[in-house]
Amino acid sequence: MSFPSDRPEDCATRIGMGVASGAVTGAFLGAVASNWGDIPLVLRNKPLPALLRTGNVMVNYGATLAVVGLTYSAVDCVAESLRGKQDWVNGSLAGLATGGVLGIRMGRIPVGIAAGAVLAFTSAMVDVSGQKLRSDGYVDDGATTGRTVYPYDA
């Protein structure tokens, strides 16, 4: 049984996945954020303007996170192909560029510099620590038996 690799190799797939996952996540967060606070008084009991407002917030959040996914994936892929290595430096460059793009999008350069530094540091720590933010679901304490996975035979 073969499992798909954790990371696709070609740049187009990586960039597409970054844009798509950013847009979907941003749209979801935008839907939550637009309905989190109190509804403006002029929009109460008027469903269409409230729905349009929610849609606008979803588009703004989705576009912002799609740009984040695009920038990070593209810079990581270009750095990897130019340097010929797959290490923490590529992710750090991508994080720095992504923070800069966020700062430009917000119109505040100091925010972009700070966001770039934080994203570069976070990306470097993730890459150095094993390239995963999530666990694989297994407990390696020796007392828990492993889960047996049987292949599906049709």
C-alpha atoms as a PDB file:
ATOM      1  CA  MET A   1       0.000   0.000   0.000  1.00  0.00           C
ATOM      2  CA  SER A   2       1.467   3.342  -0.936  1.00  0.00           C
ATOM      3  CA  PHE A   3       0.670   6.569   0.820  1.00  0.00           C
ATOM      4  CA  PRO A   4       0.804   9.952  -0.901  1.00  0.00           C
ATOM      5  CA  SER A   5       3.823  12.023   0.002  1.00  0.00           C
ATOM      6  CA  ASP A   6       3.400  14.774   2.550  1.00  0.00           C
ATOM      7  CA  ARG A   7       4.595  17.409   0.116  1.00  0.00           C
ATOM      8  CA  PRO A   8       4.098  17.641  -3.624  1.00  0.00           C
ATOM      9  CA  GLU A   9       7.241  18.202  -5.648  1.00  0.00           C
ATOM     10  CA  ASP A  10       6.181  20.565  -8.433  1.00  0.00           C
ATOM     11  CA  CYS A  11       5.823  24.292  -7.811  1.00  0.00           C
ATOM     12  CA  ALA A  12       2.442  24.708  -9.500  1.00  0.00           C
ATOM     13  CA  THR A  13       0.782  22.177  -7.199  1.00  0.00           C
ATOM     14  CA  ARG A  14       2.371  23.650  -4.098  1.00  0.00           C
ATOM     15  CA  ILE A  15       1.354  27.186  -5.046  1.00  0.00           C
ATOM     16  CA  GLY A  16      -2.174  26.087  -5.975  1.00  0.00           C
ATOM     17  CA  MET A  17      -2.583  24.270  -2.677  1.00  0.00           C
ATOM     18  CA  GLY A  18      -1.312  27.320  -0.785  1.00  0.00           C
ATOM     19  CA  VAL A  19      -3.732  29.663  -2.533  1.00  0.00           C
ATOM     20  CA  ALA A  20      -6.706  27.304  -2.225  1.00  0.00           C
ATOM     21  CA  SER A  21      -6.165  26.465   1.436  1.00  0.00           C
ATOM     22  CA  GLY A  22      -5.608  30.138   2.267  1.00  0.00           C
ATOM     23  CA  ALA A  23      -8.751  31.224   0.432  1.00  0.00           C
ATOM     24  CA  VAL A  24     -10.942  28.558   2.048  1.00  0.00           C
ATOM     25  CA  THR A  25      -9.568  29.202   5.529  1.00  0.00           C
ATOM     26  CA  GLY A  26      -9.901  32.956   5.076  1.00  0.00           C
ATOM     27  CA  ALA A  27     -13.474  32.683   3.844  1.00  0.00           C
ATOM     28  CA  PHE A  28     -14.404  30.560   6.858  1.00  0.00           C
ATOM     29  CA  LEU A  29     -12.715  32.948   9.283  1.00  0.00           C
ATOM     30  CA  GLY A  30     -14.370  35.881   7.515  1.00  0.00           C
ATOM     31  CA  ALA A  31     -17.792  34.298   7.943  1.00  0.00           C
ATOM     32  CA  VAL A  32     -17.140  33.823  11.644  1.00  0.00           C
ATOM     33  CA  ALA A  33     -15.638  37.295  12.122  1.00  0.00           C
ATOM     34  CA  SER A  34     -18.439  39.119  10.308  1.00  0.00           C
ATOM     35  CA  ASN A  35     -21.058  37.564  12.554  1.00  0.00           C
ATOM     36  CA  TRP A  36     -19.068  37.698  15.776  1.00  0.00           C
ATOM     37  CA  GLY A  37     -19.886  41.227  16.883  1.00  0.00           C
ATOM     38  CA  ASP A  38     -23.074  43.185  17.087  1.00  0.00           C
ATOM     39  CA  ILE A  39     -24.934  43.816  13.844  1.00  0.00           C
ATOM     40  CA  PRO A  40     -24.980  47.505  12.856  1.00  0.00           C
ATOM     41  CA  LEU A  41     -28.295  49.174  13.600  1.00  0.00           C
ATOM     42  CA  VAL A  42     -29.001  50.008   9.962  1.00  0.00           C
ATOM     43  CA  LEU A  43     -28.673  46.329   8.961  1.00  0.00           C
ATOM     44  CA  ARG A  44     -31.010  44.852  11.562  1.00  0.00           C
ATOM     45  CA  ASN A  45     -34.084  43.102  10.147  1.00  0.00           C
ATOM     46  CA  LYS A  46     -32.684  43.477   6.618  1.00  0.00           C
ATOM     47  CA  PRO A  47     -31.231  40.148   5.520  1.00  0.00           C
ATOM     48  CA  LEU A  48     -29.807  41.107   2.114  1.00  0.00           C
ATOM     49  CA  PRO A  49     -27.486  43.938   3.275  1.00  0.00           C
ATOM     50  CA  ALA A  50     -26.311  41.792   6.183  1.00  0.00           C
ATOM     51  CA  LEU A  51     -25.620  38.902   3.818  1.00  0.00           C
ATOM     52  CA  LEU A  52     -23.711  41.206   1.450  1.00  0.00           C
ATOM     53  CA  ARG A  53     -21.659  42.509   4.372  1.00  0.00           C
ATOM     54  CA  THR A  54     -20.824  38.943   5.389  1.00  0.00           C
ATOM     55  CA  GLY A  55     -19.836  38.136   1.810  1.00  0.00           C
ATOM     56  CA  ASN A  56     -17.564  41.180   1.619  1.00  0.00           C
ATOM     57  CA  VAL A  57     -15.800  40.255   4.850  1.00  0.00           C
ATOM     58  CA  MET A  58     -15.401  36.668   3.635  1.00  0.00           C
ATOM     59  CA  VAL A  59     -13.865  37.872   0.362  1.00  0.00           C
ATOM     60  CA  ASN A  60     -11.466  40.227   2.174  1.00  0.00           C
ATOM     61  CA  TYR A  61     -10.280  37.564   4.620  1.00  0.00           C
ATOM     62  CA  GLY A  62     -10.102  34.931   1.882  1.00  0.00           C
ATOM     63  CA  ALA A  63      -8.083  37.190  -0.411  1.00  0.00           C
ATOM     64  CA  THR A  64      -5.661  38.093   2.370  1.00  0.00           C
ATOM     65  CA  LEU A  65      -4.970  34.484   3.315  1.00  0.00           C
ATOM     66  CA  ALA A  66      -4.820  33.444  -0.347  1.00  0.00           C
ATOM     67  CA  VAL A  67      -2.089  36.056  -0.859  1.00  0.00           C
ATOM     68  CA  VAL A  68      -0.309  34.664   2.206  1.00  0.00           C
ATOM     69  CA  GLY A  69      -0.470  31.131   0.776  1.00  0.00           C
ATOM     70  CA  LEU A  70       0.615  32.323  -2.663  1.00  0.00           C
ATOM     71  CA  THR A  71       3.570  34.334  -1.384  1.00  0.00           C
ATOM     72  CA  TYR A  72       4.830  31.705   1.034  1.00  0.00           C
ATOM     73  CA  SER A  73       4.522  28.830  -1.439  1.00  0.00           C
ATOM     74  CA  ALA A  74       6.013  30.742  -4.361  1.00  0.00           C
ATOM     75  CA  VAL A  75       8.995  32.135  -2.449  1.00  0.00           C
ATOM     76  CA  ASP A  76       9.674  28.761  -0.802  1.00  0.00           C
ATOM     77  CA  CYS A  77       9.576  27.010  -4.175  1.00  0.00           C
ATOM     78  CA  VAL A  78      11.741  29.604  -5.930  1.00  0.00           C
ATOM     79  CA  ALA A  79      14.285  29.626  -3.091  1.00  0.00           C
ATOM     80  CA  GLU A  80      14.429  25.833  -3.140  1.00  0.00           C
ATOM     81  CA  SER A  81      14.977  25.702  -6.888  1.00  0.00           C
ATOM     82  CA  LEU A  82      17.596  28.501  -6.881  1.00  0.00           C
ATOM     83  CA  ARG A  83      19.533  27.217  -3.891  1.00  0.00           C
ATOM     84  CA  GLY A  84      19.186  23.528  -4.738  1.00  0.00           C
ATOM     85  CA  LYS A  85      18.525  22.694  -1.085  1.00  0.00           C
ATOM     86  CA  GLN A  86      15.468  21.924   0.975  1.00  0.00           C
ATOM     87  CA  ASP A  87      16.190  23.358   4.409  1.00  0.00           C
ATOM     88  CA  TRP A  88      15.052  25.920   6.962  1.00  0.00           C
ATOM     89  CA  VAL A  89      16.459  28.887   5.035  1.00  0.00           C
ATOM     90  CA  ASN A  90      13.853  28.534   2.268  1.00  0.00           C
ATOM     91  CA  GLY A  91      10.994  28.679   4.747  1.00  0.00           C
ATOM     92  CA  SER A  92      12.564  31.615   6.549  1.00  0.00           C
ATOM     93  CA  LEU A  93      12.868  33.577   3.308  1.00  0.00           C
ATOM     94  CA  ALA A  94       9.264  32.697   2.480  1.00  0.00           C
ATOM     95  CA  GLY A  95       8.076  33.809   5.919  1.00  0.00           C
ATOM     96  CA  LEU A  96       9.969  37.074   5.627  1.00  0.00           C
ATOM     97  CA  ALA A  97       8.485  37.795   2.196  1.00  0.00           C
ATOM     98  CA  THR A  98       4.996  36.852   3.373  1.00  0.00           C
ATOM     99  CA  GLY A  99       5.215  39.218   6.327  1.00  0.00           C
ATOM    100  CA  GLY A 100       6.338  41.994   3.999  1.00  0.00           C
ATOM    101  CA  VAL A 101       3.382  41.385   1.710  1.00  0.00           C
ATOM    102  CA  LEU A 102       1.018  41.484   4.704  1.00  0.00           C
ATOM    103  CA  GLY A 103       2.538  44.789   5.802  1.00  0.00           C
ATOM    104  CA  ILE A 104       2.148  46.254   2.325  1.00  0.00           C
ATOM    105  CA  ARG A 105      -1.439  44.979   2.149  1.00  0.00           C
ATOM    106  CA  MET A 106      -2.203  46.631   5.494  1.00  0.00           C
ATOM    107  CA  GLY A 107      -0.369  49.805   4.485  1.00  0.00           C
ATOM    108  CA  ARG A 108       1.968  49.695   7.496  1.00  0.00           C
ATOM    109  CA  ILE A 109       5.613  48.834   6.872  1.00  0.00           C
ATOM    110  CA  PRO A 110       6.585  48.316  10.576  1.00  0.00           C
ATOM    111  CA  VAL A 111       3.814  45.738  10.861  1.00  0.00           C
ATOM    112  CA  GLY A 112       5.178  44.008   7.762  1.00  0.00           C
ATOM    113  CA  ILE A 113       8.688  43.907   9.194  1.00  0.00           C
ATOM    114  CA  ALA A 114       7.442  42.507  12.501  1.00  0.00           C
ATOM    115  CA  ALA A 115       5.162  39.982  10.802  1.00  0.00           C
ATOM    116  CA  GLY A 116       7.986  38.932   8.490  1.00  0.00           C
ATOM    117  CA  ALA A 117      10.331  38.380  11.423  1.00  0.00           C
ATOM    118  CA  VAL A 118       7.742  36.358  13.325  1.00  0.00           C
ATOM    119  CA  LEU A 119       6.790  34.255  10.291  1.00  0.00           C
ATOM    120  CA  ALA A 120      10.454  33.651   9.410  1.00  0.00           C
ATOM    121  CA  PHE A 121      11.227  32.563  12.975  1.00  0.00           C
ATOM    122  CA  THR A 122       8.156  30.333  13.175  1.00  0.00           C
ATOM    123  CA  SER A 123       8.899  28.720   9.832  1.00  0.00           C
ATOM    124  CA  ALA A 124      12.513  28.093  10.826  1.00  0.00           C
ATOM    125  CA  MET A 125      11.432  26.486  14.100  1.00  0.00           C
ATOM    126  CA  VAL A 126       8.919  24.252  12.336  1.00  0.00           C
ATOM    127  CA  ASP A 127      11.519  23.188   9.762  1.00  0.00           C
ATOM    128  CA  VAL A 128      14.220  22.562  12.370  1.00  0.00           C
ATOM    129  CA  SER A 129      11.894  20.631  14.686  1.00  0.00           C
ATOM    130  CA  GLY A 130      10.767  18.095  12.101  1.00  0.00           C
ATOM    131  CA  GLN A 131       8.572  20.008   9.644  1.00  0.00           C
ATOM    132  CA  LYS A 132       5.259  19.217  11.303  1.00  0.00           C
ATOM    133  CA  LEU A 133       2.972  21.330  13.429  1.00  0.00           C
ATOM    134  CA  ARG A 134       0.677  18.407  14.159  1.00  0.00           C
ATOM    135  CA  SER A 135       1.272  15.002  15.622  1.00  0.00           C
ATOM    136  CA  ASP A 136       0.681  11.808  13.696  1.00  0.00           C
ATOM    137  CA  GLY A 137      -1.914  10.626  16.197  1.00  0.00           C
ATOM    138  CA  TYR A 138       0.190   7.874  17.721  1.00  0.00           C
ATOM    139  CA  VAL A 139       1.513   7.785  21.257  1.00  0.00           C
ATOM    140  CA  ASP A 140       5.086   6.500  21.411  1.00  0.00           C
ATOM    141  CA  ASP A 141       5.232   5.651  25.102  1.00  0.00           C
ATOM    142  CA  GLY A 142       5.798   1.917  24.631  1.00  0.00           C
ATOM    143  CA  ALA A 143       2.681   0.998  26.624  1.00  0.00           C
ATOM    144  CA  THR A 144       0.148   1.711  23.912  1.00  0.00           C
ATOM    145  CA  THR A 145      -0.110  -0.835  21.162  1.00  0.00           C
ATOM    146  CA  GLY A 146       0.055   0.426  17.624  1.00  0.00           C
ATOM    147  CA  ARG A 147      -3.014   0.543  15.441  1.00  0.00           C
ATOM    148  CA  THR A 148      -3.051  -2.015  12.656  1.00  0.00           C
ATOM    149  CA  VAL A 149      -4.059  -0.651   9.286  1.00  0.00           C
ATOM    150  CA  TYR A 150      -5.394  -3.230   6.865  1.00  0.00           C
ATOM    151  CA  PRO A 151      -5.405  -2.454   3.148  1.00  0.00           C
ATOM    152  CA  TYR A 152      -8.745  -2.353   1.404  1.00  0.00           C
ATOM    153  CA  ASP A 153      -9.076  -5.193  -1.087  1.00  0.00           C
ATOM    154  CA  ALA A 154     -11.973  -4.849  -3.452  1.00  0.00           C
END
